[in-house]
Amino acid sequence: MRIKYIRRHIMIKKEFGEHILSGKKTTTIRLGKVVPKAREVIIHSGGRPIAKAVITGVTYKHVYELT
């Protein structure tokens, strides 16, 4: 399996930006094995940065394990 890296920026669809800012959305799903390069990242939504976030943990799951 190919490993992908999350650098300092995470791109999120515009529709999820408000959910992130209100605290309703606290996780994200990425396909494949994704490894963060930095603990602190900047979240972008709608083409602009909206927040800084700290990655507290990474969990790997198979697609059939998602609800």
PDB file of N, CA and C in Angstrom:
ATOM      1  N   MET A   1       0.846  -1.181   0.000  1.00  0.00           N
ATOM      2  CA  MET A   1       0.000   0.000   0.000  1.00  0.00           C
ATOM      3  C   MET A   1       0.892   1.244   0.000  1.00  0.00           C
ATOM      4  N   ARG A   2       0.522   2.197  -0.809  1.00  0.00           N
ATOM      5  CA  ARG A   2       1.275   3.440  -0.910  1.00  0.00           C
ATOM      6  C   ARG A   2       0.962   4.352   0.272  1.00  0.00           C
ATOM      7  N   ILE A   3       1.975   4.981   0.801  1.00  0.00           N
ATOM      8  CA  ILE A   3       1.796   5.904   1.924  1.00  0.00           C
ATOM      9  C   ILE A   3       1.697   7.329   1.387  1.00  0.00           C
ATOM     10  N   LYS A   4       0.685   8.068   1.867  1.00  0.00           N
ATOM     11  CA  LYS A   4       0.532   9.488   1.535  1.00  0.00           C
ATOM     12  C   LYS A   4       0.800  10.280   2.806  1.00  0.00           C
ATOM     13  N   TYR A   5       1.280  11.500   2.648  1.00  0.00           N
ATOM     14  CA  TYR A   5       1.601  12.333   3.798  1.00  0.00           C
ATOM     15  C   TYR A   5       0.714  13.569   3.833  1.00  0.00           C
ATOM     16  N   ILE A   6       0.240  13.914   5.028  1.00  0.00           N
ATOM     17  CA  ILE A   6      -0.449  15.182   5.252  1.00  0.00           C
ATOM     18  C   ILE A   6       0.630  16.165   5.686  1.00  0.00           C
ATOM     19  N   ARG A   7       0.741  17.240   4.980  1.00  0.00           N
ATOM     20  CA  ARG A   7       1.741  18.239   5.349  1.00  0.00           C
ATOM     21  C   ARG A   7       1.105  19.266   6.286  1.00  0.00           C
ATOM     22  N   ARG A   8       1.272  20.535   6.052  1.00  0.00           N
ATOM     23  CA  ARG A   8       0.778  21.575   6.959  1.00  0.00           C
ATOM     24  C   ARG A   8      -0.626  22.044   6.625  1.00  0.00           C
ATOM     25  N   HIS A   9      -1.187  21.618   5.480  1.00  0.00           N
ATOM     26  CA  HIS A   9      -2.491  22.114   5.050  1.00  0.00           C
ATOM     27  C   HIS A   9      -3.421  20.954   4.716  1.00  0.00           C
ATOM     28  N   ILE A  10      -4.679  21.049   5.169  1.00  0.00           N
ATOM     29  CA  ILE A  10      -5.709  20.067   4.837  1.00  0.00           C
ATOM     30  C   ILE A  10      -6.838  20.813   4.133  1.00  0.00           C
ATOM     31  N   MET A  11      -7.225  20.313   2.966  1.00  0.00           N
ATOM     32  CA  MET A  11      -8.307  20.925   2.197  1.00  0.00           C
ATOM     33  C   MET A  11      -9.624  20.208   2.509  1.00  0.00           C
ATOM     34  N   ILE A  12     -10.644  20.982   2.858  1.00  0.00           N
ATOM     35  CA  ILE A  12     -11.966  20.461   3.201  1.00  0.00           C
ATOM     36  C   ILE A  12     -12.991  21.145   2.295  1.00  0.00           C
ATOM     37  N   LYS A  13     -14.025  20.410   1.892  1.00  0.00           N
ATOM     38  CA  LYS A  13     -15.083  21.016   1.081  1.00  0.00           C
ATOM     39  C   LYS A  13     -15.743  22.161   1.842  1.00  0.00           C
ATOM     40  N   LYS A  14     -16.198  23.157   1.095  1.00  0.00           N
ATOM     41  CA  LYS A  14     -16.785  24.359   1.687  1.00  0.00           C
ATOM     42  C   LYS A  14     -17.963  24.031   2.609  1.00  0.00           C
ATOM     43  N   GLU A  15     -18.759  23.033   2.234  1.00  0.00           N
ATOM     44  CA  GLU A  15     -19.938  22.671   3.034  1.00  0.00           C
ATOM     45  C   GLU A  15     -19.572  22.165   4.433  1.00  0.00           C
ATOM     46  N   PHE A  16     -18.344  21.670   4.618  1.00  0.00           N
ATOM     47  CA  PHE A  16     -17.934  21.168   5.926  1.00  0.00           C
ATOM     48  C   PHE A  16     -17.259  22.234   6.787  1.00  0.00           C
ATOM     49  N   GLY A  17     -16.925  23.387   6.197  1.00  0.00           N
ATOM     50  CA  GLY A  17     -16.224  24.441   6.929  1.00  0.00           C
ATOM     51  C   GLY A  17     -16.968  24.929   8.157  1.00  0.00           C
ATOM     52  N   GLU A  18     -18.262  25.173   8.027  1.00  0.00           N
ATOM     53  CA  GLU A  18     -19.053  25.645   9.170  1.00  0.00           C
ATOM     54  C   GLU A  18     -19.164  24.574  10.252  1.00  0.00           C
ATOM     55  N   HIS A  19     -19.256  23.320   9.844  1.00  0.00           N
ATOM     56  CA  HIS A  19     -19.337  22.228  10.821  1.00  0.00           C
ATOM     57  C   HIS A  19     -18.037  22.117  11.625  1.00  0.00           C
ATOM     58  N   ILE A  20     -16.926  22.363  10.969  1.00  0.00           N
ATOM     59  CA  ILE A  20     -15.641  22.337  11.670  1.00  0.00           C
ATOM     60  C   ILE A  20     -15.572  23.477  12.678  1.00  0.00           C
ATOM     61  N   LEU A  21     -15.950  24.674  12.248  1.00  0.00           N
ATOM     62  CA  LEU A  21     -15.876  25.838  13.137  1.00  0.00           C
ATOM     63  C   LEU A  21     -16.844  25.736  14.316  1.00  0.00           C
ATOM     64  N   SER A  22     -17.991  25.083  14.121  1.00  0.00           N
ATOM     65  CA  SER A  22     -18.956  24.940  15.218  1.00  0.00           C
ATOM     66  C   SER A  22     -18.632  23.764  16.136  1.00  0.00           C
ATOM     67  N   GLY A  23     -17.709  22.900  15.713  1.00  0.00           N
ATOM     68  CA  GLY A  23     -17.341  21.753  16.544  1.00  0.00           C
ATOM     69  C   GLY A  23     -18.125  20.490  16.244  1.00  0.00           C
ATOM     70  N   LYS A  24     -19.043  20.526  15.271  1.00  0.00           N
ATOM     71  CA  LYS A  24     -19.819  19.332  14.909  1.00  0.00           C
ATOM     72  C   LYS A  24     -18.955  18.297  14.200  1.00  0.00           C
ATOM     73  N   LYS A  25     -17.984  18.763  13.413  1.00  0.00           N
ATOM     74  CA  LYS A  25     -17.101  17.859  12.675  1.00  0.00           C
ATOM     75  C   LYS A  25     -15.710  17.920  13.297  1.00  0.00           C
ATOM     76  N   THR A  26     -15.245  16.782  13.808  1.00  0.00           N
ATOM     77  CA  THR A  26     -13.934  16.742  14.457  1.00  0.00           C
ATOM     78  C   THR A  26     -13.000  15.709  13.847  1.00  0.00           C
ATOM     79  N   THR A  27     -13.486  14.941  12.870  1.00  0.00           N
ATOM     80  CA  THR A  27     -12.652  13.926  12.227  1.00  0.00           C
ATOM     81  C   THR A  27     -12.753  14.053  10.714  1.00  0.00           C
ATOM     82  N   THR A  28     -11.811  13.430  10.034  1.00  0.00           N
ATOM     83  CA  THR A  28     -11.842  13.390   8.575  1.00  0.00           C
ATOM     84  C   THR A  28     -11.394  12.015   8.121  1.00  0.00           C
ATOM     85  N   ILE A  29     -11.828  11.625   6.942  1.00  0.00           N
ATOM     86  CA  ILE A  29     -11.479  10.322   6.383  1.00  0.00           C
ATOM     87  C   ILE A  29     -10.639  10.551   5.135  1.00  0.00           C
ATOM     88  N   ARG A  30      -9.537   9.845   5.031  1.00  0.00           N
ATOM     89  CA  ARG A  30      -8.678   9.891   3.854  1.00  0.00           C
ATOM     90  C   ARG A  30      -8.446   8.454   3.403  1.00  0.00           C
ATOM     91  N   LEU A  31      -8.469   8.221   2.093  1.00  0.00           N
ATOM     92  CA  LEU A  31      -8.249   6.881   1.563  1.00  0.00           C
ATOM     93  C   LEU A  31      -6.769   6.537   1.568  1.00  0.00           C
ATOM     94  N   GLY A  32      -6.463   5.278   1.833  1.00  0.00           N
ATOM     95  CA  GLY A  32      -5.087   4.816   1.850  1.00  0.00           C
ATOM     96  C   GLY A  32      -4.452   5.037   3.211  1.00  0.00           C
ATOM     97  N   LYS A  33      -3.166   4.780   3.290  1.00  0.00           N
ATOM     98  CA  LYS A  33      -2.443   5.006   4.538  1.00  0.00           C
ATOM     99  C   LYS A  33      -1.897   6.429   4.510  1.00  0.00           C
ATOM    100  N   VAL A  34      -2.429   7.267   5.382  1.00  0.00           N
ATOM    101  CA  VAL A  34      -2.062   8.681   5.421  1.00  0.00           C
ATOM    102  C   VAL A  34      -1.327   8.955   6.728  1.00  0.00           C
ATOM    103  N   VAL A  35      -0.133   9.537   6.611  1.00  0.00           N
ATOM    104  CA  VAL A  35       0.706   9.813   7.776  1.00  0.00           C
ATOM    105  C   VAL A  35       0.898  11.321   7.895  1.00  0.00           C
ATOM    106  N   PRO A  36       0.577  11.906   9.046  1.00  0.00           N
ATOM    107  CA  PRO A  36       0.796  13.350   9.207  1.00  0.00           C
ATOM    108  C   PRO A  36       2.279  13.667   9.387  1.00  0.00           C
ATOM    109  N   LYS A  37       2.754  14.703   8.686  1.00  0.00           N
ATOM    110  CA  LYS A  37       4.143  15.151   8.823  1.00  0.00           C
ATOM    111  C   LYS A  37       4.287  16.131   9.983  1.00  0.00           C
ATOM    112  N   ALA A  38       3.207  16.860  10.284  1.00  0.00           N
ATOM    113  CA  ALA A  38       3.233  17.859  11.350  1.00  0.00           C
ATOM    114  C   ALA A  38       2.050  17.618  12.277  1.00  0.00           C
ATOM    115  N   ARG A  39       2.209  17.957  13.540  1.00  0.00           N
ATOM    116  CA  ARG A  39       1.125  17.789  14.510  1.00  0.00           C
ATOM    117  C   ARG A  39       0.081  18.892  14.363  1.00  0.00           C
ATOM    118  N   GLU A  40       0.519  20.088  14.005  1.00  0.00           N
ATOM    119  CA  GLU A  40      -0.398  21.218  13.827  1.00  0.00           C
ATOM    120  C   GLU A  40      -0.584  21.483  12.335  1.00  0.00           C
ATOM    121  N   VAL A  41      -1.844  21.603  11.902  1.00  0.00           N
ATOM    122  CA  VAL A  41      -2.153  21.830  10.485  1.00  0.00           C
ATOM    123  C   VAL A  41      -3.098  23.018  10.340  1.00  0.00           C
ATOM    124  N   ILE A  42      -3.157  23.544   9.129  1.00  0.00           N
ATOM    125  CA  ILE A  42      -4.084  24.622   8.805  1.00  0.00           C
ATOM    126  C   ILE A  42      -5.177  24.027   7.928  1.00  0.00           C
ATOM    127  N   ILE A  43      -6.437  24.249   8.309  1.00  0.00           N
ATOM    128  CA  ILE A  43      -7.570  23.719   7.563  1.00  0.00           C
ATOM    129  C   ILE A  43      -8.073  24.793   6.606  1.00  0.00           C
ATOM    130  N   HIS A  44      -8.218  24.415   5.330  1.00  0.00           N
ATOM    131  CA  HIS A  44      -8.720  25.315   4.295  1.00  0.00           C
ATOM    132  C   HIS A  44     -10.107  24.861   3.873  1.00  0.00           C
ATOM    133  N   SER A  45     -11.014  25.811   3.693  1.00  0.00           N
ATOM    134  CA  SER A  45     -12.366  25.517   3.222  1.00  0.00           C
ATOM    135  C   SER A  45     -12.822  26.663   2.336  1.00  0.00           C
ATOM    136  N   GLY A  46     -13.347  26.336   1.168  1.00  0.00           N
ATOM    137  CA  GLY A  46     -13.804  27.380   0.255  1.00  0.00           C
ATOM    138  C   GLY A  46     -12.672  28.227  -0.289  1.00  0.00           C
ATOM    139  N   GLY A  47     -11.471  27.666  -0.377  1.00  0.00           N
ATOM    140  CA  GLY A  47     -10.333  28.388  -0.947  1.00  0.00           C
ATOM    141  C   GLY A  47      -9.618  29.319   0.005  1.00  0.00           C
ATOM    142  N   ARG A  48      -9.953  29.268   1.301  1.00  0.00           N
ATOM    143  CA  ARG A  48      -9.273  30.146   2.266  1.00  0.00           C
ATOM    144  C   ARG A  48      -9.032  29.396   3.572  1.00  0.00           C
ATOM    145  N   PRO A  49      -8.006  29.769   4.316  1.00  0.00           N
ATOM    146  CA  PRO A  49      -7.758  29.118   5.608  1.00  0.00           C
ATOM    147  C   PRO A  49      -8.826  29.521   6.618  1.00  0.00           C
ATOM    148  N   ILE A  50      -9.349  28.549   7.360  1.00  0.00           N
ATOM    149  CA  ILE A  50     -10.406  28.855   8.330  1.00  0.00           C
ATOM    150  C   ILE A  50     -10.009  28.534   9.767  1.00  0.00           C
ATOM    151  N   ALA A  51      -9.016  27.656   9.957  1.00  0.00           N
ATOM    152  CA  ALA A  51      -8.676  27.272  11.329  1.00  0.00           C
ATOM    153  C   ALA A  51      -7.324  26.579  11.379  1.00  0.00           C
ATOM    154  N   LYS A  52      -6.735  26.592  12.574  1.00  0.00           N
ATOM    155  CA  LYS A  52      -5.577  25.756  12.872  1.00  0.00           C
ATOM    156  C   LYS A  52      -6.083  24.595  13.706  1.00  0.00           C
ATOM    157  N   ALA A  53      -5.508  23.428  13.501  1.00  0.00           N
ATOM    158  CA  ALA A  53      -5.937  22.249  14.251  1.00  0.00           C
ATOM    159  C   ALA A  53      -4.719  21.450  14.691  1.00  0.00           C
ATOM    160  N   VAL A  54      -4.884  20.716  15.781  1.00  0.00           N
ATOM    161  CA  VAL A  54      -3.843  19.831  16.282  1.00  0.00           C
ATOM    162  C   VAL A  54      -4.302  18.397  16.062  1.00  0.00           C
ATOM    163  N   ILE A  55      -3.466  17.599  15.409  1.00  0.00           N
ATOM    164  CA  ILE A  55      -3.780  16.189  15.190  1.00  0.00           C
ATOM    165  C   ILE A  55      -3.428  15.438  16.466  1.00  0.00           C
ATOM    166  N   THR A  56      -4.443  14.855  17.103  1.00  0.00           N
ATOM    167  CA  THR A  56      -4.223  14.148  18.366  1.00  0.00           C
ATOM    168  C   THR A  56      -4.069  12.648  18.175  1.00  0.00           C
ATOM    169  N   GLY A  57      -4.493  12.144  17.025  1.00  0.00           N
ATOM    170  CA  GLY A  57      -4.357  10.713  16.784  1.00  0.00           C
ATOM    171  C   GLY A  57      -4.783  10.340  15.381  1.00  0.00           C
ATOM    172  N   VAL A  58      -4.274   9.212  14.925  1.00  0.00           N
ATOM    173  CA  VAL A  58      -4.626   8.686  13.608  1.00  0.00           C
ATOM    174  C   VAL A  58      -5.061   7.242  13.799  1.00  0.00           C
ATOM    175  N   THR A  59      -6.224   6.893  13.252  1.00  0.00           N
ATOM    176  CA  THR A  59      -6.742   5.530  13.329  1.00  0.00           C
ATOM    177  C   THR A  59      -6.934   5.017  11.914  1.00  0.00           C
ATOM    178  N   TYR A  60      -6.441   3.813  11.650  1.00  0.00           N
ATOM    179  CA  TYR A  60      -6.601   3.205  10.333  1.00  0.00           C
ATOM    180  C   TYR A  60      -7.729   2.194  10.387  1.00  0.00           C
ATOM    181  N   LYS A  61      -8.660   2.282   9.425  1.00  0.00           N
ATOM    182  CA  LYS A  61      -9.804   1.374   9.367  1.00  0.00           C
ATOM    183  C   LYS A  61     -10.023   0.915   7.935  1.00  0.00           C
ATOM    184  N   HIS A  62     -10.640  -0.258   7.799  1.00  0.00           N
ATOM    185  CA  HIS A  62     -11.077  -0.734   6.495  1.00  0.00           C
ATOM    186  C   HIS A  62     -12.403  -0.058   6.164  1.00  0.00           C
ATOM    187  N   VAL A  63     -12.739   0.015   4.889  1.00  0.00           N
ATOM    188  CA  VAL A  63     -13.968   0.683   4.461  1.00  0.00           C
ATOM    189  C   VAL A  63     -15.185   0.047   5.118  1.00  0.00           C
ATOM    190  N   TYR A  64     -15.210  -1.270   5.239  1.00  0.00           N
ATOM    191  CA  TYR A  64     -16.379  -1.940   5.827  1.00  0.00           C
ATOM    192  C   TYR A  64     -16.547  -1.638   7.315  1.00  0.00           C
ATOM    193  N   GLU A  65     -15.532  -1.096   7.971  1.00  0.00           N
ATOM    194  CA  GLU A  65     -15.628  -0.752   9.390  1.00  0.00           C
ATOM    195  C   GLU A  65     -16.235   0.631   9.626  1.00  0.00           C
ATOM    196  N   LEU A  66     -16.394   1.424   8.569  1.00  0.00           N
ATOM    197  CA  LEU A  66     -16.953   2.768   8.710  1.00  0.00           C
ATOM    198  C   LEU A  66     -18.461   2.697   8.855  1.00  0.00           C
ATOM    199  N   THR A  67     -19.021   3.615   9.650  1.00  0.00           N
ATOM    200  CA  THR A  67     -20.475   3.626   9.838  1.00  0.00           C
ATOM    201  C   THR A  67     -21.096   4.784   9.112  1.00  0.00           C
TER     202      THR A  67
END
